[in-house]
PDB file of N, CA and C in Angstrom:
ATOM      1  N   MET A   1      -0.232 143.280  21.004  1.00  0.00           N
ATOM      2  CA  MET A   1       0.958 144.102  21.102  1.00  0.00           C
ATOM      3  C   MET A   1       0.606 145.530  20.667  1.00  0.00           C
ATOM      4  N   LYS A   2       1.218 146.514  21.277  1.00  0.00           N
ATOM      5  CA  LYS A   2       1.031 147.917  20.898  1.00  0.00           C
ATOM      6  C   LYS A   2       2.307 148.393  20.204  1.00  0.00           C
ATOM      7  N   ILE A   3       2.123 148.995  19.032  1.00  0.00           N
ATOM      8  CA  ILE A   3       3.234 149.460  18.210  1.00  0.00           C
ATOM      9  C   ILE A   3       3.082 150.963  18.014  1.00  0.00           C
ATOM     10  N   GLU A   4       4.141 151.719  18.268  1.00  0.00           N
ATOM     11  CA  GLU A   4       4.114 153.172  18.091  1.00  0.00           C
ATOM     12  C   GLU A   4       4.817 153.548  16.796  1.00  0.00           C
ATOM     13  N   LYS A   5       4.178 154.436  16.017  1.00  0.00           N
ATOM     14  CA  LYS A   5       4.769 154.932  14.774  1.00  0.00           C
ATOM     15  C   LYS A   5       4.485 156.421  14.630  1.00  0.00           C
ATOM     16  N   LYS A   6       5.408 157.119  13.993  1.00  0.00           N
ATOM     17  CA  LYS A   6       5.241 158.540  13.698  1.00  0.00           C
ATOM     18  C   LYS A   6       4.368 158.702  12.457  1.00  0.00           C
ATOM     19  N   VAL A   7       3.599 159.787  12.428  1.00  0.00           N
ATOM     20  CA  VAL A   7       2.793 160.144  11.255  1.00  0.00           C
ATOM     21  C   VAL A   7       2.890 161.658  11.062  1.00  0.00           C
ATOM     22  N   TRP A   8       3.183 162.075   9.852  1.00  0.00           N
ATOM     23  CA  TRP A   8       3.257 163.503   9.549  1.00  0.00           C
ATOM     24  C   TRP A   8       1.875 164.138   9.654  1.00  0.00           C
ATOM     25  N   PRO A   9       1.816 165.434   9.993  1.00  0.00           N
ATOM     26  CA  PRO A   9       0.540 166.117  10.246  1.00  0.00           C
ATOM     27  C   PRO A   9      -0.512 165.969   9.150  1.00  0.00           C
ATOM     28  N   GLU A  10      -0.127 166.103   7.878  1.00  0.00           N
ATOM     29  CA  GLU A  10      -1.135 166.031   6.805  1.00  0.00           C
ATOM     30  C   GLU A  10      -1.812 164.667   6.760  1.00  0.00           C
ATOM     31  N   TYR A  11      -1.079 163.610   7.049  1.00  0.00           N
ATOM     32  CA  TYR A  11      -1.647 162.260   7.042  1.00  0.00           C
ATOM     33  C   TYR A  11      -2.387 161.966   8.347  1.00  0.00           C
ATOM     34  N   PHE A  12      -1.855 162.464   9.455  1.00  0.00           N
ATOM     35  CA  PHE A  12      -2.515 162.275  10.745  1.00  0.00           C
ATOM     36  C   PHE A  12      -3.927 162.849  10.703  1.00  0.00           C
ATOM     37  N   GLN A  13      -4.059 164.058  10.154  1.00  0.00           N
ATOM     38  CA  GLN A  13      -5.369 164.704  10.102  1.00  0.00           C
ATOM     39  C   GLN A  13      -6.348 163.903   9.246  1.00  0.00           C
ATOM     40  N   LYS A  14      -5.880 163.333   8.136  1.00  0.00           N
ATOM     41  CA  LYS A  14      -6.750 162.518   7.278  1.00  0.00           C
ATOM     42  C   LYS A  14      -7.199 161.247   8.006  1.00  0.00           C
ATOM     43  N   ILE A  15      -6.328 160.672   8.819  1.00  0.00           N
ATOM     44  CA  ILE A  15      -6.706 159.507   9.627  1.00  0.00           C
ATOM     45  C   ILE A  15      -7.735 159.933  10.661  1.00  0.00           C
ATOM     46  N   LEU A  16      -7.475 161.042  11.332  1.00  0.00           N
ATOM     47  CA  LEU A  16      -8.387 161.564  12.351  1.00  0.00           C
ATOM     48  C   LEU A  16      -9.769 161.864  11.764  1.00  0.00           C
ATOM     49  N   ASP A  17      -9.797 162.400  10.541  1.00  0.00           N
ATOM     50  CA  ASP A  17     -11.057 162.731   9.869  1.00  0.00           C
ATOM     51  C   ASP A  17     -11.773 161.495   9.321  1.00  0.00           C
ATOM     52  N   GLY A  18     -11.101 160.346   9.336  1.00  0.00           N
ATOM     53  CA  GLY A  18     -11.713 159.122   8.835  1.00  0.00           C
ATOM     54  C   GLY A  18     -11.570 158.915   7.338  1.00  0.00           C
ATOM     55  N   LYS A  19     -10.806 159.774   6.653  1.00  0.00           N
ATOM     56  CA  LYS A  19     -10.621 159.651   5.205  1.00  0.00           C
ATOM     57  C   LYS A  19      -9.540 158.639   4.849  1.00  0.00           C
ATOM     58  N   LYS A  20      -8.498 158.558   5.656  1.00  0.00           N
ATOM     59  CA  LYS A  20      -7.367 157.665   5.384  1.00  0.00           C
ATOM     60  C   LYS A  20      -7.481 156.466   6.315  1.00  0.00           C
ATOM     61  N   LYS A  21      -7.702 155.294   5.718  1.00  0.00           N
ATOM     62  CA  LYS A  21      -7.919 154.080   6.505  1.00  0.00           C
ATOM     63  C   LYS A  21      -6.909 153.005   6.135  1.00  0.00           C
ATOM     64  N   TYR A  22      -5.677 153.412   5.926  1.00  0.00           N
ATOM     65  CA  TYR A  22      -4.604 152.488   5.564  1.00  0.00           C
ATOM     66  C   TYR A  22      -3.280 153.129   5.950  1.00  0.00           C
ATOM     67  N   GLU A  23      -2.247 152.355   5.974  1.00  0.00           N
ATOM     68  CA  GLU A  23      -0.890 152.860   6.154  1.00  0.00           C
ATOM     69  C   GLU A  23      -0.001 152.135   5.160  1.00  0.00           C
ATOM     70  N   LEU A  24       0.877 152.848   4.521  1.00  0.00           N
ATOM     71  CA  LEU A  24       1.908 152.272   3.668  1.00  0.00           C
ATOM     72  C   LEU A  24       3.207 152.430   4.437  1.00  0.00           C
ATOM     73  N   ARG A  25       3.813 151.323   4.802  1.00  0.00           N
ATOM     74  CA  ARG A  25       5.029 151.354   5.613  1.00  0.00           C
ATOM     75  C   ARG A  25       6.049 150.376   5.067  1.00  0.00           C
ATOM     76  N   LEU A  26       7.298 150.684   5.260  1.00  0.00           N
ATOM     77  CA  LEU A  26       8.364 149.741   4.975  1.00  0.00           C
ATOM     78  C   LEU A  26       8.190 148.567   5.921  1.00  0.00           C
ATOM     79  N   ALA A  27       8.282 147.365   5.394  1.00  0.00           N
ATOM     80  CA  ALA A  27       8.036 146.168   6.217  1.00  0.00           C
ATOM     81  C   ALA A  27       9.290 145.753   6.984  1.00  0.00           C
ATOM     82  N   ASP A  28       9.883 146.693   7.705  1.00  0.00           N
ATOM     83  CA  ASP A  28      11.096 146.412   8.480  1.00  0.00           C
ATOM     84  C   ASP A  28      10.786 146.197   9.962  1.00  0.00           C
ATOM     85  N   TRP A  29       9.518 145.900  10.260  1.00  0.00           N
ATOM     86  CA  TRP A  29       9.090 145.613  11.640  1.00  0.00           C
ATOM     87  C   TRP A  29       7.915 144.653  11.553  1.00  0.00           C
ATOM     88  N   GLU A  30       7.687 143.941  12.620  1.00  0.00           N
ATOM     89  CA  GLU A  30       6.636 142.917  12.646  1.00  0.00           C
ATOM     90  C   GLU A  30       5.363 143.453  13.267  1.00  0.00           C
ATOM     91  N   CYS A  31       4.233 143.026  12.712  1.00  0.00           N
ATOM     92  CA  CYS A  31       2.933 143.323  13.294  1.00  0.00           C
ATOM     93  C   CYS A  31       1.986 142.209  12.900  1.00  0.00           C
ATOM     94  N   SER A  32       0.893 142.108  13.622  1.00  0.00           N
ATOM     95  CA  SER A  32      -0.097 141.069  13.372  1.00  0.00           C
ATOM     96  C   SER A  32      -1.489 141.660  13.445  1.00  0.00           C
ATOM     97  N   GLU A  33      -2.429 141.001  12.786  1.00  0.00           N
ATOM     98  CA  GLU A  33      -3.817 141.424  12.905  1.00  0.00           C
ATOM     99  C   GLU A  33      -4.204 141.397  14.376  1.00  0.00           C
ATOM    100  N   GLY A  34      -4.912 142.421  14.813  1.00  0.00           N
ATOM    101  CA  GLY A  34      -5.303 142.540  16.211  1.00  0.00           C
ATOM    102  C   GLY A  34      -4.363 143.406  17.033  1.00  0.00           C
ATOM    103  N   ASP A  35      -3.140 143.651  16.538  1.00  0.00           N
ATOM    104  CA  ASP A  35      -2.222 144.538  17.250  1.00  0.00           C
ATOM    105  C   ASP A  35      -2.778 145.957  17.244  1.00  0.00           C
ATOM    106  N   LEU A  36      -2.384 146.738  18.245  1.00  0.00           N
ATOM    107  CA  LEU A  36      -2.776 148.143  18.320  1.00  0.00           C
ATOM    108  C   LEU A  36      -1.666 149.002  17.735  1.00  0.00           C
ATOM    109  N   LEU A  37      -2.056 149.900  16.849  1.00  0.00           N
ATOM    110  CA  LEU A  37      -1.118 150.818  16.225  1.00  0.00           C
ATOM    111  C   LEU A  37      -1.346 152.197  16.822  1.00  0.00           C
ATOM    112  N   LEU A  38      -0.372 152.677  17.597  1.00  0.00           N
ATOM    113  CA  LEU A  38      -0.443 154.006  18.191  1.00  0.00           C
ATOM    114  C   LEU A  38       0.268 154.966  17.247  1.00  0.00           C
ATOM    115  N   LEU A  39      -0.511 155.793  16.566  1.00  0.00           N
ATOM    116  CA  LEU A  39       0.035 156.743  15.609  1.00  0.00           C
ATOM    117  C   LEU A  39       0.197 158.086  16.298  1.00  0.00           C
ATOM    118  N   LYS A  40       1.443 158.576  16.321  1.00  0.00           N
ATOM    119  CA  LYS A  40       1.769 159.823  17.000  1.00  0.00           C
ATOM    120  C   LYS A  40       2.154 160.870  15.958  1.00  0.00           C
ATOM    121  N   GLU A  41       1.439 161.985  15.996  1.00  0.00           N
ATOM    122  CA  GLU A  41       1.703 163.037  15.015  1.00  0.00           C
ATOM    123  C   GLU A  41       3.112 163.602  15.230  1.00  0.00           C
ATOM    124  N   TRP A  42       3.877 163.662  14.145  1.00  0.00           N
ATOM    125  CA  TRP A  42       5.268 164.091  14.168  1.00  0.00           C
ATOM    126  C   TRP A  42       5.451 165.211  13.158  1.00  0.00           C
ATOM    127  N   ASN A  43       6.004 166.326  13.598  1.00  0.00           N
ATOM    128  CA  ASN A  43       6.266 167.445  12.705  1.00  0.00           C
ATOM    129  C   ASN A  43       7.686 167.308  12.160  1.00  0.00           C
ATOM    130  N   PRO A  44       7.842 167.024  10.855  1.00  0.00           N
ATOM    131  CA  PRO A  44       9.181 166.823  10.304  1.00  0.00           C
ATOM    132  C   PRO A  44      10.020 168.103  10.250  1.00  0.00           C
ATOM    133  N   GLU A  45       9.357 169.257  10.301  1.00  0.00           N
ATOM    134  CA  GLU A  45      10.105 170.523  10.277  1.00  0.00           C
ATOM    135  C   GLU A  45      10.746 170.820  11.627  1.00  0.00           C
ATOM    136  N   THR A  46       9.988 170.623  12.709  1.00  0.00           N
ATOM    137  CA  THR A  46      10.522 170.891  14.048  1.00  0.00           C
ATOM    138  C   THR A  46      11.194 169.654  14.649  1.00  0.00           C
ATOM    139  N   LYS A  47      10.937 168.493  14.016  1.00  0.00           N
ATOM    140  CA  LYS A  47      11.457 167.207  14.509  1.00  0.00           C
ATOM    141  C   LYS A  47      10.999 166.933  15.939  1.00  0.00           C
ATOM    142  N   GLU A  48       9.699 167.230  16.163  1.00  0.00           N
ATOM    143  CA  GLU A  48       9.100 166.998  17.472  1.00  0.00           C
ATOM    144  C   GLU A  48       7.696 166.440  17.307  1.00  0.00           C
ATOM    145  N   TYR A  49       7.251 165.706  18.319  1.00  0.00           N
ATOM    146  CA  TYR A  49       5.870 165.249  18.363  1.00  0.00           C
ATOM    147  C   TYR A  49       4.979 166.438  18.698  1.00  0.00           C
ATOM    148  N   THR A  50       3.771 166.445  18.131  1.00  0.00           N
ATOM    149  CA  THR A  50       2.831 167.546  18.394  1.00  0.00           C
ATOM    150  C   THR A  50       2.008 167.306  19.651  1.00  0.00           C
ATOM    151  N   GLY A  51       1.967 166.055  20.098  1.00  0.00           N
ATOM    152  CA  GLY A  51       1.160 165.702  21.263  1.00  0.00           C
ATOM    153  C   GLY A  51      -0.143 164.998  20.883  1.00  0.00           C
ATOM    154  N   ARG A  52      -0.504 165.045  19.592  1.00  0.00           N
ATOM    155  CA  ARG A  52      -1.726 164.356  19.169  1.00  0.00           C
ATOM    156  C   ARG A  52      -1.403 162.902  18.853  1.00  0.00           C
ATOM    157  N   GLU A  53      -2.294 162.018  19.284  1.00  0.00           N
ATOM    158  CA  GLU A  53      -2.130 160.583  19.074  1.00  0.00           C
ATOM    159  C   GLU A  53      -3.473 159.971  18.723  1.00  0.00           C
ATOM    160  N   ILE A  54      -3.430 158.879  17.987  1.00  0.00           N
ATOM    161  CA  ILE A  54      -4.638 158.125  17.689  1.00  0.00           C
ATOM    162  C   ILE A  54      -4.265 156.646  17.665  1.00  0.00           C
ATOM    163  N   GLU A  55      -5.156 155.833  18.203  1.00  0.00           N
ATOM    164  CA  GLU A  55      -4.894 154.394  18.277  1.00  0.00           C
ATOM    165  C   GLU A  55      -5.846 153.658  17.336  1.00  0.00           C
ATOM    166  N   LYS A  56      -5.297 152.758  16.535  1.00  0.00           N
ATOM    167  CA  LYS A  56      -6.079 151.971  15.586  1.00  0.00           C
ATOM    168  C   LYS A  56      -5.724 150.495  15.751  1.00  0.00           C
ATOM    169  N   THR A  57      -6.696 149.638  15.493  1.00  0.00           N
ATOM    170  CA  THR A  57      -6.471 148.193  15.529  1.00  0.00           C
ATOM    171  C   THR A  57      -6.127 147.714  14.128  1.00  0.00           C
ATOM    172  N   ILE A  58      -5.056 146.954  14.005  1.00  0.00           N
ATOM    173  CA  ILE A  58      -4.651 146.410  12.712  1.00  0.00           C
ATOM    174  C   ILE A  58      -5.624 145.297  12.334  1.00  0.00           C
ATOM    175  N   THR A  59      -6.246 145.434  11.157  1.00  0.00           N
ATOM    176  CA  THR A  59      -7.234 144.446  10.714  1.00  0.00           C
ATOM    177  C   THR A  59      -6.749 143.609   9.534  1.00  0.00           C
ATOM    178  N   TYR A  60      -5.757 144.092   8.791  1.00  0.00           N
ATOM    179  CA  TYR A  60      -5.273 143.353   7.624  1.00  0.00           C
ATOM    180  C   TYR A  60      -3.870 143.825   7.292  1.00  0.00           C
ATOM    181  N   ILE A  61      -3.010 142.901   6.871  1.00  0.00           N
ATOM    182  CA  ILE A  61      -1.630 143.217   6.494  1.00  0.00           C
ATOM    183  C   ILE A  61      -1.339 142.539   5.162  1.00  0.00           C
ATOM    184  N   LEU A  62      -0.805 143.288   4.218  1.00  0.00           N
ATOM    185  CA  LEU A  62      -0.374 142.736   2.943  1.00  0.00           C
ATOM    186  C   LEU A  62       1.084 143.096   2.758  1.00  0.00           C
ATOM    187  N   LYS A  63       1.939 142.097   2.694  1.00  0.00           N
ATOM    188  CA  LYS A  63       3.352 142.331   2.415  1.00  0.00           C
ATOM    189  C   LYS A  63       3.575 142.060   0.939  1.00  0.00           C
ATOM    190  N   THR A  64       4.303 142.943   0.274  1.00  0.00           N
ATOM    191  CA  THR A  64       4.370 142.898  -1.179  1.00  0.00           C
ATOM    192  C   THR A  64       5.636 142.289  -1.769  1.00  0.00           C
ATOM    193  N   ASN A  65       6.601 141.907  -0.971  1.00  0.00           N
ATOM    194  CA  ASN A  65       7.855 141.442  -1.567  1.00  0.00           C
ATOM    195  C   ASN A  65       7.712 140.143  -2.346  1.00  0.00           C
ATOM    196  N   ASP A  66       6.653 139.374  -2.127  1.00  0.00           N
ATOM    197  CA  ASP A  66       6.444 138.136  -2.865  1.00  0.00           C
ATOM    198  C   ASP A  66       5.378 138.263  -3.952  1.00  0.00           C
ATOM    199  N   ILE A  67       4.843 139.458  -4.151  1.00  0.00           N
ATOM    200  CA  ILE A  67       3.771 139.652  -5.123  1.00  0.00           C
ATOM    201  C   ILE A  67       4.368 140.132  -6.446  1.00  0.00           C
ATOM    202  N   ASN A  68       4.033 139.436  -7.511  1.00  0.00           N
ATOM    203  CA  ASN A  68       4.531 139.804  -8.838  1.00  0.00           C
ATOM    204  C   ASN A  68       3.369 139.902  -9.817  1.00  0.00           C
ATOM    205  N   PHE A  69       2.433 140.800  -9.546  1.00  0.00           N
ATOM    206  CA  PHE A  69       1.262 140.961 -10.402  1.00  0.00           C
ATOM    207  C   PHE A  69       1.611 141.617 -11.736  1.00  0.00           C
ATOM    208  N   TRP A  70       2.580 142.529 -11.714  1.00  0.00           N
ATOM    209  CA  TRP A  70       2.893 143.323 -12.896  1.00  0.00           C
ATOM    210  C   TRP A  70       4.373 143.194 -13.232  1.00  0.00           C
ATOM    211  N   PRO A  71       4.709 143.401 -14.494  1.00  0.00           N
ATOM    212  CA  PRO A  71       6.120 143.386 -14.878  1.00  0.00           C
ATOM    213  C   PRO A  71       6.885 144.505 -14.166  1.00  0.00           C
ATOM    214  N   LYS A  72       8.133 144.233 -13.835  1.00  0.00           N
ATOM    215  CA  LYS A  72       8.982 145.196 -13.130  1.00  0.00           C
ATOM    216  C   LYS A  72       9.059 146.527 -13.889  1.00  0.00           C
ATOM    217  N   GLU A  73       9.098 146.458 -15.215  1.00  0.00           N
ATOM    218  CA  GLU A  73       9.186 147.678 -16.025  1.00  0.00           C
ATOM    219  C   GLU A  73       7.953 148.569 -15.822  1.00  0.00           C
ATOM    220  N   ASP A  74       6.773 147.946 -15.727  1.00  0.00           N
ATOM    221  CA  ASP A  74       5.552 148.727 -15.505  1.00  0.00           C
ATOM    222  C   ASP A  74       5.543 149.357 -14.120  1.00  0.00           C
ATOM    223  N   VAL A  75       6.009 148.623 -13.122  1.00  0.00           N
ATOM    224  CA  VAL A  75       6.070 149.163 -11.759  1.00  0.00           C
ATOM    225  C   VAL A  75       7.026 150.343 -11.715  1.00  0.00           C
ATOM    226  N   GLU A  76       8.184 150.223 -12.378  1.00  0.00           N
ATOM    227  CA  GLU A  76       9.151 151.322 -12.395  1.00  0.00           C
ATOM    228  C   GLU A  76       8.596 152.536 -13.144  1.00  0.00           C
ATOM    229  N   LYS A  77       7.805 152.307 -14.194  1.00  0.00           N
ATOM    230  CA  LYS A  77       7.242 153.394 -14.981  1.00  0.00           C
ATOM    231  C   LYS A  77       6.092 154.100 -14.269  1.00  0.00           C
ATOM    232  N   TYR A  78       5.167 153.306 -13.680  1.00  0.00           N
ATOM    233  CA  TYR A  78       3.946 153.878 -13.126  1.00  0.00           C
ATOM    234  C   TYR A  78       3.910 153.948 -11.606  1.00  0.00           C
ATOM    235  N   GLY A  79       4.661 153.099 -10.932  1.00  0.00           N
ATOM    236  CA  GLY A  79       4.585 153.015  -9.478  1.00  0.00           C
ATOM    237  C   GLY A  79       3.322 152.301  -9.048  1.00  0.00           C
ATOM    238  N   TYR A  80       3.007 152.374  -7.769  1.00  0.00           N
ATOM    239  CA  TYR A  80       1.823 151.743  -7.215  1.00  0.00           C
ATOM    240  C   TYR A  80       0.817 152.810  -6.785  1.00  0.00           C
ATOM    241  N   GLN A  81      -0.431 152.425  -6.709  1.00  0.00           N
ATOM    242  CA  GLN A  81      -1.472 153.224  -6.063  1.00  0.00           C
ATOM    243  C   GLN A  81      -1.973 152.404  -4.882  1.00  0.00           C
ATOM    244  N   ILE A  82      -2.192 153.040  -3.779  1.00  0.00           N
ATOM    245  CA  ILE A  82      -2.847 152.409  -2.653  1.00  0.00           C
ATOM    246  C   ILE A  82      -4.255 152.970  -2.646  1.00  0.00           C
ATOM    247  N   ILE A  83      -5.253 152.101  -2.700  1.00  0.00           N
ATOM    248  CA  ILE A  83      -6.634 152.541  -2.806  1.00  0.00           C
ATOM    249  C   ILE A  83      -7.395 152.116  -1.559  1.00  0.00           C
ATOM    250  N   SER A  84      -8.059 153.065  -0.952  1.00  0.00           N
ATOM    251  CA  SER A  84      -8.871 152.788   0.214  1.00  0.00           C
ATOM    252  C   SER A  84     -10.336 152.759  -0.201  1.00  0.00           C
ATOM    253  N   PHE A  85     -11.103 151.868   0.387  1.00  0.00           N
ATOM    254  CA  PHE A  85     -12.524 151.820   0.063  1.00  0.00           C
ATOM    255  C   PHE A  85     -13.328 151.349   1.238  1.00  0.00           C
ATOM    256  N   GLU A  86     -14.626 151.612   1.194  1.00  0.00           N
ATOM    257  CA  GLU A  86     -15.550 151.207   2.258  1.00  0.00           C
ATOM    258  C   GLU A  86     -16.663 150.373   1.651  1.00  0.00           C
TER     259      GLU A  86
END
């Protein structure tokens, strides 16, 4: 399946440069490993697409609503970090 999503310019460029190899998204849509993610650069100031696009294959999905690694108080105090590695 091919899924289209908007990406703001600062994040799109990091994906294009190969520095950003993850997406943090609200899990309000379905996707599966092997699906194609079509990321379309979106300018939030002009509320228009820039015309730049990049396609990535989904290799791993982690949904967090069932994960309770840390106490709720710590999550509210510190938040989460998403860490990318190679």
